[in-house]
Amino acid sequence: MTAIEDVRKEMKKLEQIRNEFYALFDTQVPKDENDLFDFSQETKLDAKEVYNHFFKLDYQARKVRGLLIEARDIKVG
Protein backbone atom coordinates (compact mmCIF):
# COMPACT_ATOMS: atom_id res chain seq x y z
CA MET A 1 0.00 0.00 0.00
CA THR A 2 1.36 3.43 -0.90
CA ALA A 3 1.61 6.30 1.57
CA ILE A 4 -1.32 8.08 -0.10
CA GLU A 5 -3.45 4.93 0.07
CA ASP A 6 -2.65 4.73 3.79
CA VAL A 7 -3.79 8.33 4.19
CA ARG A 8 -7.03 7.65 2.33
CA LYS A 9 -7.74 4.58 4.47
CA GLU A 10 -7.12 6.46 7.71
CA MET A 11 -9.14 9.47 6.51
CA LYS A 12 -12.13 7.16 6.01
CA LYS A 13 -11.68 5.94 9.58
CA LEU A 14 -11.49 9.56 10.76
CA GLU A 15 -14.76 10.35 9.01
CA GLN A 16 -16.43 7.29 10.55
CA ILE A 17 -15.25 8.23 14.06
CA ARG A 18 -16.38 11.84 13.53
CA ASN A 19 -19.83 10.60 12.47
CA GLU A 20 -20.04 8.44 15.60
CA PHE A 21 -19.10 11.45 17.74
CA TYR A 22 -21.87 13.57 16.24
CA ALA A 23 -24.34 10.67 16.45
CA LEU A 24 -23.90 10.80 20.21
CA PHE A 25 -25.05 14.43 20.20
CA ASP A 26 -27.84 13.66 17.73
CA THR A 27 -29.33 11.18 20.18
CA GLN A 28 -28.89 13.25 23.33
CA VAL A 29 -28.97 16.96 22.48
CA PRO A 30 -32.07 18.69 21.10
CA LYS A 31 -31.78 20.94 18.07
CA ASP A 32 -33.12 24.43 17.56
CA GLU A 33 -35.20 25.73 14.67
CA ASN A 34 -32.02 26.09 12.55
CA ASP A 35 -31.15 22.41 13.08
CA LEU A 36 -28.21 23.37 15.32
CA PHE A 37 -27.52 21.69 18.64
CA ASP A 38 -29.31 23.61 21.37
CA PHE A 39 -27.08 23.45 24.43
CA SER A 40 -29.14 26.14 26.17
CA GLN A 41 -31.63 23.48 27.24
CA GLU A 42 -30.78 21.34 30.22
CA THR A 43 -28.95 18.47 28.58
CA LYS A 44 -27.21 15.75 30.52
CA LEU A 45 -24.32 14.10 28.73
CA ASP A 46 -22.20 11.33 30.15
CA ALA A 47 -18.78 12.99 30.40
CA LYS A 48 -16.94 9.68 30.15
CA GLU A 49 -18.82 8.74 26.97
CA VAL A 50 -18.13 12.16 25.42
CA TYR A 51 -14.46 11.87 26.37
CA ASN A 52 -14.19 8.37 24.88
CA HIS A 53 -15.60 9.62 21.57
CA PHE A 54 -13.38 12.70 21.61
CA PHE A 55 -10.27 10.63 22.43
CA LYS A 56 -10.89 8.34 19.44
CA LEU A 57 -11.44 11.34 17.17
CA ASP A 58 -8.33 13.13 18.43
CA TYR A 59 -6.18 9.99 18.19
CA GLN A 60 -7.26 9.34 14.63
CA ALA A 61 -6.69 12.97 13.63
CA ARG A 62 -3.14 12.83 15.02
CA LYS A 63 -2.56 9.54 13.19
CA VAL A 64 -3.69 11.07 9.88
CA ARG A 65 -1.53 14.13 10.54
CA GLY A 66 1.52 11.93 10.97
CA LEU A 67 0.79 9.99 7.80
CA LEU A 68 0.33 13.21 5.81
CA ILE A 69 3.60 14.61 7.11
CA GLU A 70 5.37 11.40 6.18
CA ALA A 71 3.66 10.98 2.80
CA ARG A 72 4.43 14.52 1.69
CA ASP A 73 7.78 14.84 3.47
CA ILE A 74 6.56 17.95 5.27
CA LYS A 75 9.09 19.58 7.57
CA VAL A 76 7.59 20.33 10.98
CA GLY A 77 9.22 22.57 13.57
PDB file of N, CA and C in Angstrom:
ATOM      1  N   MET A   1       0.850  -1.178   0.000  1.00  0.00           N
ATOM      2  CA  MET A   1       0.000   0.000   0.000  1.00  0.00           C
ATOM      3  C   MET A   1       0.897   1.242   0.000  1.00  0.00           C
ATOM      4  N   THR A   2       0.559   2.203  -0.835  1.00  0.00           N
ATOM      5  CA  THR A   2       1.358   3.427  -0.904  1.00  0.00           C
ATOM      6  C   THR A   2       1.003   4.345   0.269  1.00  0.00           C
ATOM      7  N   ALA A   3       1.842   5.341   0.486  1.00  0.00           N
ATOM      8  CA  ALA A   3       1.608   6.296   1.573  1.00  0.00           C
ATOM      9  C   ALA A   3       0.271   7.021   1.385  1.00  0.00           C
ATOM     10  N   ILE A   4      -0.051   7.374   0.169  1.00  0.00           N
ATOM     11  CA  ILE A   4      -1.319   8.078  -0.096  1.00  0.00           C
ATOM     12  C   ILE A   4      -2.503   7.160   0.147  1.00  0.00           C
ATOM     13  N   GLU A   5      -2.380   5.890  -0.208  1.00  0.00           N
ATOM     14  CA  GLU A   5      -3.455   4.932   0.068  1.00  0.00           C
ATOM     15  C   GLU A   5      -3.649   4.768   1.576  1.00  0.00           C
ATOM     16  N   ASP A   6      -2.548   4.776   2.326  1.00  0.00           N
ATOM     17  CA  ASP A   6      -2.645   4.725   3.791  1.00  0.00           C
ATOM     18  C   ASP A   6      -3.409   5.933   4.324  1.00  0.00           C
ATOM     19  N   VAL A   7      -3.097   7.100   3.772  1.00  0.00           N
ATOM     20  CA  VAL A   7      -3.786   8.332   4.194  1.00  0.00           C
ATOM     21  C   VAL A   7      -5.272   8.222   3.896  1.00  0.00           C
ATOM     22  N   ARG A   8      -5.614   7.780   2.702  1.00  0.00           N
ATOM     23  CA  ARG A   8      -7.034   7.646   2.326  1.00  0.00           C
ATOM     24  C   ARG A   8      -7.769   6.697   3.273  1.00  0.00           C
ATOM     25  N   LYS A   9      -7.132   5.571   3.570  1.00  0.00           N
ATOM     26  CA  LYS A   9      -7.739   4.576   4.467  1.00  0.00           C
ATOM     27  C   LYS A   9      -7.987   5.177   5.848  1.00  0.00           C
ATOM     28  N   GLU A  10      -6.985   5.876   6.371  1.00  0.00           N
ATOM     29  CA  GLU A  10      -7.118   6.458   7.709  1.00  0.00           C
ATOM     30  C   GLU A  10      -8.076   7.652   7.723  1.00  0.00           C
ATOM     31  N   MET A  11      -8.170   8.375   6.600  1.00  0.00           N
ATOM     32  CA  MET A  11      -9.145   9.470   6.509  1.00  0.00           C
ATOM     33  C   MET A  11     -10.571   8.930   6.565  1.00  0.00           C
ATOM     34  N   LYS A  12     -10.794   7.779   5.948  1.00  0.00           N
ATOM     35  CA  LYS A  12     -12.125   7.161   6.014  1.00  0.00           C
ATOM     36  C   LYS A  12     -12.458   6.774   7.450  1.00  0.00           C
ATOM     37  N   LYS A  13     -11.464   6.258   8.169  1.00  0.00           N
ATOM     38  CA  LYS A  13     -11.682   5.941   9.585  1.00  0.00           C
ATOM     39  C   LYS A  13     -11.986   7.206  10.375  1.00  0.00           C
ATOM     40  N   LEU A  14     -11.254   8.281  10.069  1.00  0.00           N
ATOM     41  CA  LEU A  14     -11.485   9.558  10.760  1.00  0.00           C
ATOM     42  C   LEU A  14     -12.915  10.035  10.535  1.00  0.00           C
ATOM     43  N   GLU A  15     -13.386   9.940   9.310  1.00  0.00           N
ATOM     44  CA  GLU A  15     -14.759  10.351   9.006  1.00  0.00           C
ATOM     45  C   GLU A  15     -15.770   9.495   9.759  1.00  0.00           C
ATOM     46  N   GLN A  16     -15.527   8.194   9.830  1.00  0.00           N
ATOM     47  CA  GLN A  16     -16.429   7.294  10.550  1.00  0.00           C
ATOM     48  C   GLN A  16     -16.469   7.650  12.042  1.00  0.00           C
ATOM     49  N   ILE A  17     -15.314   7.882  12.630  1.00  0.00           N
ATOM     50  CA  ILE A  17     -15.250   8.229  14.056  1.00  0.00           C
ATOM     51  C   ILE A  17     -15.923   9.571  14.311  1.00  0.00           C
ATOM     52  N   ARG A  18     -15.729  10.526  13.395  1.00  0.00           N
ATOM     53  CA  ARG A  18     -16.385  11.841  13.530  1.00  0.00           C
ATOM     54  C   ARG A  18     -17.903  11.678  13.485  1.00  0.00           C
ATOM     55  N   ASN A  19     -18.387  10.847  12.568  1.00  0.00           N
ATOM     56  CA  ASN A  19     -19.827  10.603  12.469  1.00  0.00           C
ATOM     57  C   ASN A  19     -20.380   9.967  13.750  1.00  0.00           C
ATOM     58  N   GLU A  20     -19.623   9.063  14.342  1.00  0.00           N
ATOM     59  CA  GLU A  20     -20.038   8.442  15.600  1.00  0.00           C
ATOM     60  C   GLU A  20     -20.089   9.475  16.725  1.00  0.00           C
ATOM     61  N   PHE A  21     -19.132  10.389  16.730  1.00  0.00           N
ATOM     62  CA  PHE A  21     -19.098  11.446  17.735  1.00  0.00           C
ATOM     63  C   PHE A  21     -20.352  12.318  17.640  1.00  0.00           C
ATOM     64  N   TYR A  22     -20.676  12.738  16.422  1.00  0.00           N
ATOM     65  CA  TYR A  22     -21.867  13.566  16.241  1.00  0.00           C
ATOM     66  C   TYR A  22     -23.161  12.778  16.455  1.00  0.00           C
ATOM     67  N   ALA A  23     -23.161  11.492  16.202  1.00  0.00           N
ATOM     68  CA  ALA A  23     -24.340  10.665  16.446  1.00  0.00           C
ATOM     69  C   ALA A  23     -24.695  10.666  17.929  1.00  0.00           C
ATOM     70  N   LEU A  24     -23.656  10.704  18.776  1.00  0.00           N
ATOM     71  CA  LEU A  24     -23.901  10.801  20.214  1.00  0.00           C
ATOM     72  C   LEU A  24     -24.713  12.052  20.530  1.00  0.00           C
ATOM     73  N   PHE A  25     -24.301  13.180  19.977  1.00  0.00           N
ATOM     74  CA  PHE A  25     -25.049  14.426  20.202  1.00  0.00           C
ATOM     75  C   PHE A  25     -26.440  14.352  19.577  1.00  0.00           C
ATOM     76  N   ASP A  26     -26.538  13.774  18.396  1.00  0.00           N
ATOM     77  CA  ASP A  26     -27.839  13.664  17.730  1.00  0.00           C
ATOM     78  C   ASP A  26     -28.860  12.936  18.598  1.00  0.00           C
ATOM     79  N   THR A  27     -28.399  11.955  19.354  1.00  0.00           N
ATOM     80  CA  THR A  27     -29.326  11.177  20.180  1.00  0.00           C
ATOM     81  C   THR A  27     -29.605  11.812  21.533  1.00  0.00           C
ATOM     82  N   GLN A  28     -28.745  12.743  21.965  1.00  0.00           N
ATOM     83  CA  GLN A  28     -28.894  13.250  23.333  1.00  0.00           C
ATOM     84  C   GLN A  28     -29.076  14.755  23.468  1.00  0.00           C
ATOM     85  N   VAL A  29     -28.867  15.504  22.397  1.00  0.00           N
ATOM     86  CA  VAL A  29     -28.971  16.959  22.478  1.00  0.00           C
ATOM     87  C   VAL A  29     -30.047  17.438  21.512  1.00  0.00           C
ATOM     88  N   PRO A  30     -31.032  18.179  22.009  1.00  0.00           N
ATOM     89  CA  PRO A  30     -32.070  18.692  21.104  1.00  0.00           C
ATOM     90  C   PRO A  30     -31.487  19.720  20.138  1.00  0.00           C
ATOM     91  N   LYS A  31     -32.215  19.940  19.058  1.00  0.00           N
ATOM     92  CA  LYS A  31     -31.783  20.943  18.073  1.00  0.00           C
ATOM     93  C   LYS A  31     -32.761  22.090  18.045  1.00  0.00           C
ATOM     94  N   ASP A  32     -32.264  23.257  17.653  1.00  0.00           N
ATOM     95  CA  ASP A  32     -33.121  24.430  17.564  1.00  0.00           C
ATOM     96  C   ASP A  32     -33.785  24.493  16.194  1.00  0.00           C
ATOM     97  N   GLU A  33     -34.466  25.596  15.917  1.00  0.00           N
ATOM     98  CA  GLU A  33     -35.205  25.732  14.666  1.00  0.00           C
ATOM     99  C   GLU A  33     -34.287  25.783  13.445  1.00  0.00           C
ATOM    100  N   ASN A  34     -32.992  26.054  13.652  1.00  0.00           N
ATOM    101  CA  ASN A  34     -32.025  26.087  12.554  1.00  0.00           C
ATOM    102  C   ASN A  34     -31.283  24.759  12.403  1.00  0.00           C
ATOM    103  N   ASP A  35     -31.748  23.748  13.111  1.00  0.00           N
ATOM    104  CA  ASP A  35     -31.153  22.411  13.081  1.00  0.00           C
ATOM    105  C   ASP A  35     -29.740  22.394  13.674  1.00  0.00           C
ATOM    106  N   LEU A  36     -29.483  23.324  14.602  1.00  0.00           N
ATOM    107  CA  LEU A  36     -28.211  23.369  15.319  1.00  0.00           C
ATOM    108  C   LEU A  36     -28.417  22.810  16.723  1.00  0.00           C
ATOM    109  N   PHE A  37     -27.393  22.216  17.281  1.00  0.00           N
ATOM    110  CA  PHE A  37     -27.518  21.691  18.636  1.00  0.00           C
ATOM    111  C   PHE A  37     -27.849  22.823  19.596  1.00  0.00           C
ATOM    112  N   ASP A  38     -28.858  22.600  20.420  1.00  0.00           N
ATOM    113  CA  ASP A  38     -29.312  23.613  21.370  1.00  0.00           C
ATOM    114  C   ASP A  38     -28.827  23.235  22.770  1.00  0.00           C
ATOM    115  N   PHE A  39     -27.654  23.752  23.125  1.00  0.00           N
ATOM    116  CA  PHE A  39     -27.083  23.447  24.427  1.00  0.00           C
ATOM    117  C   PHE A  39     -27.657  24.345  25.527  1.00  0.00           C
ATOM    118  N   SER A  40     -28.554  25.264  25.158  1.00  0.00           N
ATOM    119  CA  SER A  40     -29.142  26.137  26.170  1.00  0.00           C
ATOM    120  C   SER A  40     -30.169  25.384  27.020  1.00  0.00           C
ATOM    121  N   GLN A  41     -30.705  24.303  26.466  1.00  0.00           N
ATOM    122  CA  GLN A  41     -31.628  23.480  27.236  1.00  0.00           C
ATOM    123  C   GLN A  41     -30.826  22.602  28.196  1.00  0.00           C
ATOM    124  N   GLU A  42     -31.471  22.183  29.250  1.00  0.00           N
ATOM    125  CA  GLU A  42     -30.780  21.344  30.223  1.00  0.00           C
ATOM    126  C   GLU A  42     -30.552  19.958  29.627  1.00  0.00           C
ATOM    127  N   THR A  43     -29.329  19.733  29.213  1.00  0.00           N
ATOM    128  CA  THR A  43     -28.945  18.473  28.580  1.00  0.00           C
ATOM    129  C   THR A  43     -27.920  17.779  29.452  1.00  0.00           C
ATOM    130  N   LYS A  44     -28.158  16.522  29.716  1.00  0.00           N
ATOM    131  CA  LYS A  44     -27.206  15.750  30.517  1.00  0.00           C
ATOM    132  C   LYS A  44     -26.471  14.796  29.592  1.00  0.00           C
ATOM    133  N   LEU A  45     -25.164  14.990  29.511  1.00  0.00           N
ATOM    134  CA  LEU A  45     -24.318  14.099  28.729  1.00  0.00           C
ATOM    135  C   LEU A  45     -23.393  13.360  29.687  1.00  0.00           C
ATOM    136  N   ASP A  46     -23.132  12.121  29.374  1.00  0.00           N
ATOM    137  CA  ASP A  46     -22.199  11.330  30.153  1.00  0.00           C
ATOM    138  C   ASP A  46     -20.787  11.774  29.766  1.00  0.00           C
ATOM    139  N   ALA A  47     -20.105  12.429  30.685  1.00  0.00           N
ATOM    140  CA  ALA A  47     -18.779  12.986  30.402  1.00  0.00           C
ATOM    141  C   ALA A  47     -17.807  11.914  29.939  1.00  0.00           C
ATOM    142  N   LYS A  48     -17.858  10.745  30.532  1.00  0.00           N
ATOM    143  CA  LYS A  48     -16.942   9.681  30.146  1.00  0.00           C
ATOM    144  C   LYS A  48     -17.211   9.234  28.709  1.00  0.00           C
ATOM    145  N   GLU A  49     -18.471   9.138  28.335  1.00  0.00           N
ATOM    146  CA  GLU A  49     -18.819   8.744  26.974  1.00  0.00           C
ATOM    147  C   GLU A  49     -18.367   9.801  25.968  1.00  0.00           C
ATOM    148  N   VAL A  50     -18.578  11.073  26.294  1.00  0.00           N
ATOM    149  CA  VAL A  50     -18.134  12.158  25.418  1.00  0.00           C
ATOM    150  C   VAL A  50     -16.619  12.116  25.282  1.00  0.00           C
ATOM    151  N   TYR A  51     -15.916  11.936  26.406  1.00  0.00           N
ATOM    152  CA  TYR A  51     -14.457  11.869  26.371  1.00  0.00           C
ATOM    153  C   TYR A  51     -13.979  10.699  25.516  1.00  0.00           C
ATOM    154  N   ASN A  52     -14.598   9.535  25.665  1.00  0.00           N
ATOM    155  CA  ASN A  52     -14.188   8.372  24.877  1.00  0.00           C
ATOM    156  C   ASN A  52     -14.318   8.638  23.378  1.00  0.00           C
ATOM    157  N   HIS A  53     -15.419   9.283  22.986  1.00  0.00           N
ATOM    158  CA  HIS A  53     -15.600   9.621  21.568  1.00  0.00           C
ATOM    159  C   HIS A  53     -14.563  10.644  21.128  1.00  0.00           C
ATOM    160  N   PHE A  54     -14.346  11.668  21.960  1.00  0.00           N
ATOM    161  CA  PHE A  54     -13.379  12.700  21.612  1.00  0.00           C
ATOM    162  C   PHE A  54     -11.971  12.112  21.507  1.00  0.00           C
ATOM    163  N   PHE A  55     -11.607  11.229  22.435  1.00  0.00           N
ATOM    164  CA  PHE A  55     -10.275  10.632  22.430  1.00  0.00           C
ATOM    165  C   PHE A  55     -10.028   9.866  21.131  1.00  0.00           C
ATOM    166  N   LYS A  56     -11.025   9.082  20.704  1.00  0.00           N
ATOM    167  CA  LYS A  56     -10.894   8.337  19.444  1.00  0.00           C
ATOM    168  C   LYS A  56     -10.719   9.291  18.261  1.00  0.00           C
ATOM    169  N   LEU A  57     -11.514  10.359  18.254  1.00  0.00           N
ATOM    170  CA  LEU A  57     -11.437  11.341  17.173  1.00  0.00           C
ATOM    171  C   LEU A  57     -10.077  12.030  17.169  1.00  0.00           C
ATOM    172  N   ASP A  58      -9.618  12.448  18.328  1.00  0.00           N
ATOM    173  CA  ASP A  58      -8.332  13.133  18.432  1.00  0.00           C
ATOM    174  C   ASP A  58      -7.184  12.200  18.045  1.00  0.00           C
ATOM    175  N   TYR A  59      -7.222  10.959  18.519  1.00  0.00           N
ATOM    176  CA  TYR A  59      -6.177   9.993  18.195  1.00  0.00           C
ATOM    177  C   TYR A  59      -6.096   9.776  16.687  1.00  0.00           C
ATOM    178  N   GLN A  60      -7.243   9.589  16.063  1.00  0.00           N
ATOM    179  CA  GLN A  60      -7.261   9.337  14.625  1.00  0.00           C
ATOM    180  C   GLN A  60      -6.777  10.558  13.853  1.00  0.00           C
ATOM    181  N   ALA A  61      -7.146  11.749  14.294  1.00  0.00           N
ATOM    182  CA  ALA A  61      -6.686  12.972  13.626  1.00  0.00           C
ATOM    183  C   ALA A  61      -5.167  13.085  13.714  1.00  0.00           C
ATOM    184  N   ARG A  62      -4.595  12.776  14.874  1.00  0.00           N
ATOM    185  CA  ARG A  62      -3.142  12.826  15.023  1.00  0.00           C
ATOM    186  C   ARG A  62      -2.470  11.762  14.159  1.00  0.00           C
ATOM    187  N   LYS A  63      -3.102  10.608  14.029  1.00  0.00           N
ATOM    188  CA  LYS A  63      -2.561   9.538  13.188  1.00  0.00           C
ATOM    189  C   LYS A  63      -2.524   9.985  11.724  1.00  0.00           C
ATOM    190  N   VAL A  64      -3.619  10.583  11.261  1.00  0.00           N
ATOM    191  CA  VAL A  64      -3.686  11.071   9.882  1.00  0.00           C
ATOM    192  C   VAL A  64      -2.655  12.170   9.672  1.00  0.00           C
ATOM    193  N   ARG A  65      -2.524  13.051  10.641  1.00  0.00           N
ATOM    194  CA  ARG A  65      -1.532  14.134  10.545  1.00  0.00           C
ATOM    195  C   ARG A  65      -0.132  13.552  10.327  1.00  0.00           C
ATOM    196  N   GLY A  66       0.218  12.553  11.119  1.00  0.00           N
ATOM    197  CA  GLY A  66       1.525  11.926  10.971  1.00  0.00           C
ATOM    198  C   GLY A  66       1.723  11.287   9.610  1.00  0.00           C
ATOM    199  N   LEU A  67       0.697  10.615   9.122  1.00  0.00           N
ATOM    200  CA  LEU A  67       0.787   9.985   7.796  1.00  0.00           C
ATOM    201  C   LEU A  67       0.933  11.029   6.691  1.00  0.00           C
ATOM    202  N   LEU A  68       0.219  12.141   6.817  1.00  0.00           N
ATOM    203  CA  LEU A  68       0.333  13.210   5.813  1.00  0.00           C
ATOM    204  C   LEU A  68       1.722  13.815   5.816  1.00  0.00           C
ATOM    205  N   ILE A  69       2.254  14.049   6.994  1.00  0.00           N
ATOM    206  CA  ILE A  69       3.601  14.608   7.108  1.00  0.00           C
ATOM    207  C   ILE A  69       4.607  13.663   6.463  1.00  0.00           C
ATOM    208  N   GLU A  70       4.461  12.400   6.743  1.00  0.00           N
ATOM    209  CA  GLU A  70       5.370  11.397   6.178  1.00  0.00           C
ATOM    210  C   GLU A  70       5.189  11.266   4.667  1.00  0.00           C
ATOM    211  N   ALA A  71       3.949  11.193   4.231  1.00  0.00           N
ATOM    212  CA  ALA A  71       3.664  10.982   2.800  1.00  0.00           C
ATOM    213  C   ALA A  71       4.145  12.150   1.937  1.00  0.00           C
ATOM    214  N   ARG A  72       4.073  13.335   2.461  1.00  0.00           N
ATOM    215  CA  ARG A  72       4.434  14.520   1.691  1.00  0.00           C
ATOM    216  C   ARG A  72       5.774  15.116   2.113  1.00  0.00           C
ATOM    217  N   ASP A  73       6.472  14.404   2.997  1.00  0.00           N
ATOM    218  CA  ASP A  73       7.784  14.840   3.470  1.00  0.00           C
ATOM    219  C   ASP A  73       7.742  16.296   3.933  1.00  0.00           C
ATOM    220  N   ILE A  74       6.755  16.595   4.762  1.00  0.00           N
ATOM    221  CA  ILE A  74       6.562  17.951   5.270  1.00  0.00           C
ATOM    222  C   ILE A  74       7.490  18.149   6.463  1.00  0.00           C
ATOM    223  N   LYS A  75       8.192  19.256   6.467  1.00  0.00           N
ATOM    224  CA  LYS A  75       9.094  19.585   7.565  1.00  0.00           C
ATOM    225  C   LYS A  75       8.290  20.302   8.647  1.00  0.00           C
ATOM    226  N   VAL A  76       8.340  19.755   9.861  1.00  0.00           N
ATOM    227  CA  VAL A  76       7.592  20.331  10.983  1.00  0.00           C
ATOM    228  C   VAL A  76       8.609  20.841  11.999  1.00  0.00           C
ATOM    229  N   GLY A  77       8.357  22.028  12.517  1.00  0.00           N
ATOM    230  CA  GLY A  77       9.220  22.571  13.574  1.00  0.00           C
ATOM    231  C   GLY A  77      10.403  23.168  13.054  1.00  0.00           C
TER     232      GLY A  77
END
